[in-house]
């Protein structure tokens, strides 16, 4: 009797474990609300909860923008030049003030779009909002302002001052990793480092402004540019993105850490991973921080 009871307990435990594993695997579902079309924005343009933010140069915004949109630049959400590394996240209290000034509140539906081809700065703004706990209410408009204009949708030069918002942010520091975290996880099987730079920087053929060329040992290369179509700078479909991550060796349940030169291009890779329901983090210091430290290894070997 005891043996039968023991077997029954084992069977139930196995069934529960299988159920948990299935739930974990199914958690990687595509979050399609993170990308919206120009048509969607046009239909919701008069929604009271909608906050449109155009990412790019201020003079581009002044020249033309979607009615009701506000302007934001990466500099608005980064530490000032000369203080720390390039593009490092500002303290959460400062970020909160920036977005409140732009009219973002707890009930806001935020849509980001780029002027011209500012896709990686736009992804950087998305990451910042995600870090603050607002990622589930933030989307990027596919194709940005160039597609909006090409479709002859309404534009304006009128610059309005929004009513300040009120935010209760929930910063998630686990989304940001540093050099020590990366160093300690170099040999972890289920931690995948993804380098978002162009191939010539990944291989070390070009050094750029970095003290050393190459990449972090074990990192795989998914250049940020191949996430987009060539014609209109729209996002490639989910299937294409899935293939890119699979080719880079990413498996279900892996912890991903993306990096690039200074933490901007890597946020587009972060965005794609988040969209696919994966588990990404951002190495904010990126190769700028890593290559400055001679005690940290650099590789030019292509996996």
Protein backbone atom coordinates (compact mmCIF):
# COMPACT_ATOMS: atom_id res chain seq x y z
CA UNK A 1 0.00 0.00 0.00
CA UNK A 2 2.80 2.38 0.93
CA UNK A 3 4.57 1.56 -2.33
CA UNK A 4 1.43 2.32 -4.34
CA UNK A 5 1.00 5.61 -2.46
CA UNK A 6 4.64 6.52 -3.12
CA UNK A 7 4.28 5.80 -6.84
CA UNK A 8 1.11 7.87 -6.96
CA UNK A 9 2.88 10.81 -5.30
CA UNK A 10 5.77 10.55 -7.79
CA UNK A 11 3.35 10.47 -10.73
CA UNK A 12 1.48 13.54 -9.46
CA UNK A 13 4.75 15.40 -8.81
CA UNK A 14 5.98 14.61 -12.32
CA UNK A 15 2.69 15.79 -13.80
CA UNK A 16 2.90 19.04 -11.84
CA UNK A 17 6.50 19.57 -12.91
CA UNK A 18 5.58 18.95 -16.55
CA UNK A 19 2.76 21.47 -16.19
CA UNK A 20 5.14 24.07 -14.74
CA UNK A 21 7.66 23.47 -17.53
CA UNK A 22 4.92 23.83 -20.12
CA UNK A 23 3.82 27.10 -18.58
CA UNK A 24 7.42 28.35 -18.60
CA UNK A 25 7.80 27.45 -22.27
CA UNK A 26 4.47 28.99 -23.20
CA UNK A 27 5.47 32.22 -21.44
CA UNK A 28 7.62 32.95 -24.48
CA UNK A 29 4.66 34.17 -26.53
CA UNK A 30 4.95 37.02 -28.98
CA UNK A 31 3.95 40.34 -27.41
CA UNK A 32 2.47 41.80 -30.58
CA UNK A 33 1.10 44.89 -28.81
CA UNK A 34 4.68 46.20 -28.64
CA UNK A 35 4.50 47.09 -32.33
CA UNK A 36 1.61 49.14 -33.72
CA UNK A 37 0.87 50.19 -37.28
CA UNK A 38 0.38 53.69 -38.62
CA UNK A 39 -3.25 52.70 -39.18
CA UNK A 40 -3.64 51.85 -35.48
CA UNK A 41 -2.16 55.21 -34.44
CA UNK A 42 -4.44 57.07 -36.86
CA UNK A 43 -7.51 55.36 -35.38
CA UNK A 44 -6.48 56.17 -31.81
CA UNK A 45 -5.08 59.65 -32.42
CA UNK A 46 -7.80 61.31 -30.35
CA UNK A 47 -7.69 58.87 -27.42
CA UNK A 48 -7.24 60.80 -24.19
CA UNK A 49 -4.83 58.19 -22.83
CA UNK A 50 -2.55 58.24 -25.89
CA UNK A 51 0.91 59.80 -25.47
CA UNK A 52 2.89 60.08 -28.72
CA UNK A 53 6.63 60.66 -28.47
CA UNK A 54 8.76 61.47 -31.51
CA UNK A 55 12.40 60.42 -31.13
CA UNK A 56 15.07 62.31 -33.06
CA UNK A 57 16.51 65.77 -33.55
CA UNK A 58 14.48 68.71 -32.26
CA UNK A 59 14.57 70.56 -35.58
CA UNK A 60 13.05 67.51 -37.30
CA UNK A 61 10.20 67.59 -34.79
CA UNK A 62 9.67 71.33 -35.25
CA UNK A 63 9.57 70.91 -39.03
CA UNK A 64 6.78 68.32 -38.88
CA UNK A 65 5.31 65.76 -36.49
CA UNK A 66 2.13 63.80 -35.82
CA UNK A 67 -0.53 66.03 -34.23
CA UNK A 68 -0.30 65.92 -30.45
CA UNK A 69 3.14 64.33 -30.37
CA UNK A 70 5.89 65.50 -28.04
CA UNK A 71 9.62 65.44 -28.71
CA UNK A 72 12.13 63.35 -26.80
CA UNK A 73 15.84 62.82 -27.37
CA UNK A 74 18.12 60.13 -25.96
CA UNK A 75 20.05 62.88 -24.15
CA UNK A 76 16.90 63.59 -22.10
CA UNK A 77 17.10 60.15 -20.48
CA UNK A 78 20.87 59.73 -20.21
CA UNK A 79 23.56 60.92 -17.83
CA UNK A 80 25.14 64.16 -19.08
CA UNK A 81 28.20 63.87 -21.27
CA UNK A 82 31.36 63.61 -19.21
CA UNK A 83 29.54 62.00 -16.29
CA UNK A 84 30.02 58.25 -16.39
CA UNK A 85 29.79 56.23 -19.59
CA UNK A 86 28.02 57.30 -22.77
CA UNK A 87 24.21 56.96 -22.63
CA UNK A 88 24.06 55.46 -19.15
CA UNK A 89 20.59 55.47 -17.60
CA UNK A 90 19.79 58.49 -15.47
CA UNK A 91 18.56 57.89 -11.91
CA UNK A 92 14.95 56.70 -11.82
CA UNK A 93 13.71 59.86 -10.10
CA UNK A 94 15.07 61.97 -12.96
CA UNK A 95 13.57 59.68 -15.59
CA UNK A 96 10.22 59.88 -13.85
CA UNK A 97 10.33 63.69 -14.02
CA UNK A 98 11.21 63.62 -17.74
CA UNK A 99 8.24 61.46 -18.70
CA UNK A 100 5.82 63.26 -16.39
CA UNK A 101 6.79 66.53 -18.10
CA UNK A 102 5.89 64.91 -21.43
CA UNK A 103 2.41 64.07 -20.12
CA UNK A 104 2.91 60.41 -19.21
CA UNK A 105 0.67 59.16 -16.40
CA UNK A 106 -0.18 55.80 -14.89
CA UNK A 107 -3.05 55.30 -17.34
CA UNK A 108 -1.16 56.42 -20.46
CA UNK A 109 -0.85 54.36 -23.63
CA UNK A 110 2.57 55.34 -24.93
CA UNK A 111 3.56 55.11 -28.59
CA UNK A 112 7.08 55.92 -29.75
CA UNK A 113 8.05 56.69 -33.32
CA UNK A 114 11.24 57.86 -34.99
CA UNK A 115 11.84 60.74 -37.32
CA UNK A 116 13.92 59.70 -40.34
CA UNK A 117 15.86 56.55 -39.36
CA UNK A 118 16.30 56.95 -35.60
CA UNK A 119 15.27 53.38 -34.82
CA UNK A 120 17.94 52.52 -32.22
CA UNK A 121 17.38 55.72 -30.20
CA UNK A 122 13.67 54.86 -30.24
CA UNK A 123 14.46 51.39 -28.91
CA UNK A 124 16.58 53.04 -26.22
CA UNK A 125 13.57 55.09 -25.12
CA UNK A 126 11.47 51.92 -25.06
CA UNK A 127 14.04 50.17 -22.89
CA UNK A 128 14.04 53.10 -20.47
CA UNK A 129 10.25 52.96 -20.15
CA UNK A 130 10.44 49.18 -19.71
CA UNK A 131 13.02 49.67 -16.96
CA UNK A 132 10.59 52.03 -15.22
CA UNK A 133 7.83 49.40 -15.34
CA UNK A 134 5.94 50.95 -18.27
CA UNK A 135 6.94 48.49 -20.99
CA UNK A 136 3.56 46.75 -21.04
CA UNK A 137 1.93 50.06 -22.02
CA UNK A 138 4.53 51.16 -24.57
CA UNK A 139 4.73 50.42 -28.30
CA UNK A 140 6.81 51.48 -31.28
CA UNK A 141 5.03 52.57 -34.46
CA UNK A 142 6.25 50.42 -37.33
CA UNK A 143 8.00 52.41 -40.04
CA UNK A 144 8.13 55.60 -38.02
CA UNK A 145 7.40 59.09 -39.32
CA UNK A 146 8.66 58.41 -42.89
CA UNK A 147 5.91 55.81 -43.44
CA UNK A 148 3.32 58.06 -41.77
CA UNK A 149 4.22 60.86 -44.20
CA UNK A 150 4.37 58.54 -47.21
CA UNK A 151 0.79 57.48 -46.44
CA UNK A 152 -0.25 61.16 -46.46
CA UNK A 153 -1.50 61.06 -42.92
CA UNK A 154 -1.94 64.34 -40.97
CA UNK A 155 1.13 66.24 -39.79
CA UNK A 156 1.57 69.56 -38.04
CA UNK A 157 4.16 72.10 -36.99
CA UNK A 158 2.17 73.17 -33.93
CA UNK A 159 4.09 72.61 -30.71
CA UNK A 160 1.86 72.16 -27.67
CA UNK A 161 2.73 71.94 -24.00
CA UNK A 162 1.15 68.84 -22.47
CA UNK A 163 -0.51 68.68 -19.09
CA UNK A 164 2.08 67.16 -16.72
CA UNK A 165 1.45 63.54 -15.93
CA UNK A 166 1.57 61.68 -12.63
CA UNK A 167 3.56 58.46 -12.52
CA UNK A 168 4.13 55.72 -10.00
CA UNK A 169 7.16 54.07 -11.54
CA UNK A 170 8.46 50.62 -10.61
CA UNK A 171 12.12 50.54 -11.67
CA UNK A 172 13.44 47.04 -12.35
CA UNK A 173 17.22 47.05 -11.80
CA UNK A 174 17.43 43.40 -12.88
CA UNK A 175 16.98 44.52 -16.49
CA UNK A 176 20.38 46.22 -16.37
CA UNK A 177 23.62 44.27 -15.88
CA UNK A 178 27.18 45.49 -15.39
CA UNK A 179 30.62 44.23 -16.30
CA UNK A 180 30.95 42.13 -13.16
CA UNK A 181 27.71 40.30 -13.93
CA UNK A 182 28.87 39.60 -17.48
CA UNK A 183 32.29 38.40 -16.29
CA UNK A 184 30.72 36.07 -13.72
CA UNK A 185 28.39 34.55 -16.31
CA UNK A 186 30.80 34.03 -19.21
CA UNK A 187 30.75 30.26 -18.75
CA UNK A 188 27.11 29.88 -17.76
CA UNK A 189 25.42 27.57 -20.27
CA UNK A 190 22.03 29.25 -20.13
CA UNK A 191 23.33 32.83 -20.29
CA UNK A 192 23.65 34.04 -23.87
CA UNK A 193 25.58 37.20 -24.70
CA UNK A 194 24.42 38.88 -27.89
CA UNK A 195 26.50 41.55 -29.64
CA UNK A 196 24.33 43.98 -31.64
CA UNK A 197 27.17 45.77 -33.45
CA UNK A 198 27.93 45.49 -37.15
CA UNK A 199 30.14 42.49 -38.05
CA UNK A 200 33.33 44.48 -38.64
CA UNK A 201 33.29 45.69 -35.02
CA UNK A 202 32.36 42.27 -33.66
CA UNK A 203 35.31 40.60 -35.41
CA UNK A 204 37.72 43.38 -34.50
CA UNK A 205 38.40 44.28 -38.13
CA UNK A 206 37.43 47.80 -37.11
CA UNK A 207 38.03 49.18 -33.63
CA UNK A 208 36.07 52.39 -33.85
CA UNK A 209 36.55 54.55 -30.78
CA UNK A 210 37.20 51.62 -28.47
CA UNK A 211 40.58 50.96 -26.79
CA UNK A 212 40.49 47.36 -28.03
CA UNK A 213 38.78 45.60 -30.92
CA UNK A 214 36.81 42.36 -30.90
CA UNK A 215 33.98 41.11 -28.75
CA UNK A 216 33.24 39.64 -25.33
CA UNK A 217 34.30 35.95 -25.39
CA UNK A 218 31.40 33.64 -26.19
CA UNK A 219 29.13 36.40 -27.48
CA UNK A 220 27.21 35.78 -30.70
CA UNK A 221 26.61 38.51 -33.26
CA UNK A 222 23.13 39.65 -34.30
CA UNK A 223 23.73 43.02 -36.01
CA UNK A 224 20.96 45.46 -35.12
CA UNK A 225 20.49 46.38 -38.79
CA UNK A 226 19.23 42.94 -39.82
CA UNK A 227 16.21 43.27 -37.56
CA UNK A 228 14.74 45.76 -40.05
CA UNK A 229 13.69 45.61 -43.68
CA UNK A 230 15.87 47.49 -46.14
CA UNK A 231 13.11 49.29 -48.01
CA UNK A 232 11.05 51.20 -45.44
CA UNK A 233 12.89 50.57 -42.16
CA UNK A 234 9.97 48.50 -40.90
CA UNK A 235 10.45 45.62 -38.49
CA UNK A 236 10.93 42.16 -39.94
CA UNK A 237 8.27 39.65 -38.93
CA UNK A 238 8.42 37.52 -35.80
CA UNK A 239 9.42 34.39 -37.69
CA UNK A 240 12.52 36.11 -39.08
CA UNK A 241 13.45 37.32 -35.61
CA UNK A 242 12.95 33.84 -34.14
CA UNK A 243 15.34 32.42 -36.72
CA UNK A 244 17.98 35.02 -35.86
CA UNK A 245 17.89 34.14 -32.16
CA UNK A 246 17.90 30.41 -32.90
CA UNK A 247 20.93 30.81 -35.16
CA UNK A 248 22.65 32.60 -32.28
CA UNK A 249 22.08 29.55 -30.07
CA UNK A 250 19.32 31.02 -27.90
CA UNK A 251 17.08 28.33 -26.41
CA UNK A 252 13.88 28.47 -24.39
CA UNK A 253 14.60 29.56 -20.83
CA UNK A 254 17.97 31.17 -21.61
CA UNK A 255 18.93 34.45 -19.97
CA UNK A 256 19.95 36.96 -22.68
CA UNK A 257 22.24 39.94 -22.22
CA UNK A 258 22.60 42.32 -25.16
CA UNK A 259 25.40 44.82 -25.68
CA UNK A 260 26.90 47.03 -28.40
CA UNK A 261 29.23 50.05 -28.43
CA UNK A 262 27.51 52.22 -25.83
CA UNK A 263 24.16 50.55 -25.07
CA UNK A 264 21.98 51.98 -27.84
CA UNK A 265 22.06 49.50 -30.73
CA UNK A 266 21.72 46.73 -28.15
CA UNK A 267 18.33 48.05 -27.08
CA UNK A 268 16.89 47.15 -30.50
CA UNK A 269 18.01 43.58 -29.90
CA UNK A 270 16.54 43.83 -26.40
CA UNK A 271 13.26 45.05 -27.92
CA UNK A 272 13.14 42.13 -30.37
CA UNK A 273 13.85 39.60 -27.60
CA UNK A 274 11.18 41.15 -25.40
CA UNK A 275 8.72 41.09 -28.30
CA UNK A 276 9.35 37.36 -28.77
CA UNK A 277 8.69 36.69 -25.08
CA UNK A 278 12.33 35.93 -24.29
CA UNK A 279 14.20 37.00 -21.16
CA UNK A 280 16.56 39.86 -22.10
CA UNK A 281 18.73 42.21 -20.10
CA UNK A 282 20.94 45.08 -21.22
CA UNK A 283 24.63 45.44 -20.49
CA UNK A 284 24.38 49.23 -20.27
CA UNK A 285 28.12 49.89 -20.15
CA UNK A 286 28.54 47.67 -23.23
CA UNK A 287 31.86 47.36 -25.06
CA UNK A 288 32.85 50.90 -24.10
CA UNK A 289 33.14 49.80 -20.48
CA UNK A 290 34.42 46.28 -21.22
CA UNK A 291 37.22 47.27 -23.60
CA UNK A 292 38.53 49.95 -21.24
CA UNK A 293 39.36 47.36 -18.59
CA UNK A 294 42.55 45.49 -19.59
CA UNK A 295 41.76 42.76 -17.06
CA UNK A 296 38.64 41.73 -18.99
CA UNK A 297 39.14 39.35 -21.93
CA UNK A 298 38.43 40.31 -25.54
CA UNK A 299 38.16 37.84 -28.42
CA UNK A 300 38.45 38.13 -32.19
CA UNK A 301 37.55 34.48 -32.72
CA UNK A 302 34.28 33.93 -34.55
CA UNK A 303 32.25 31.16 -32.84
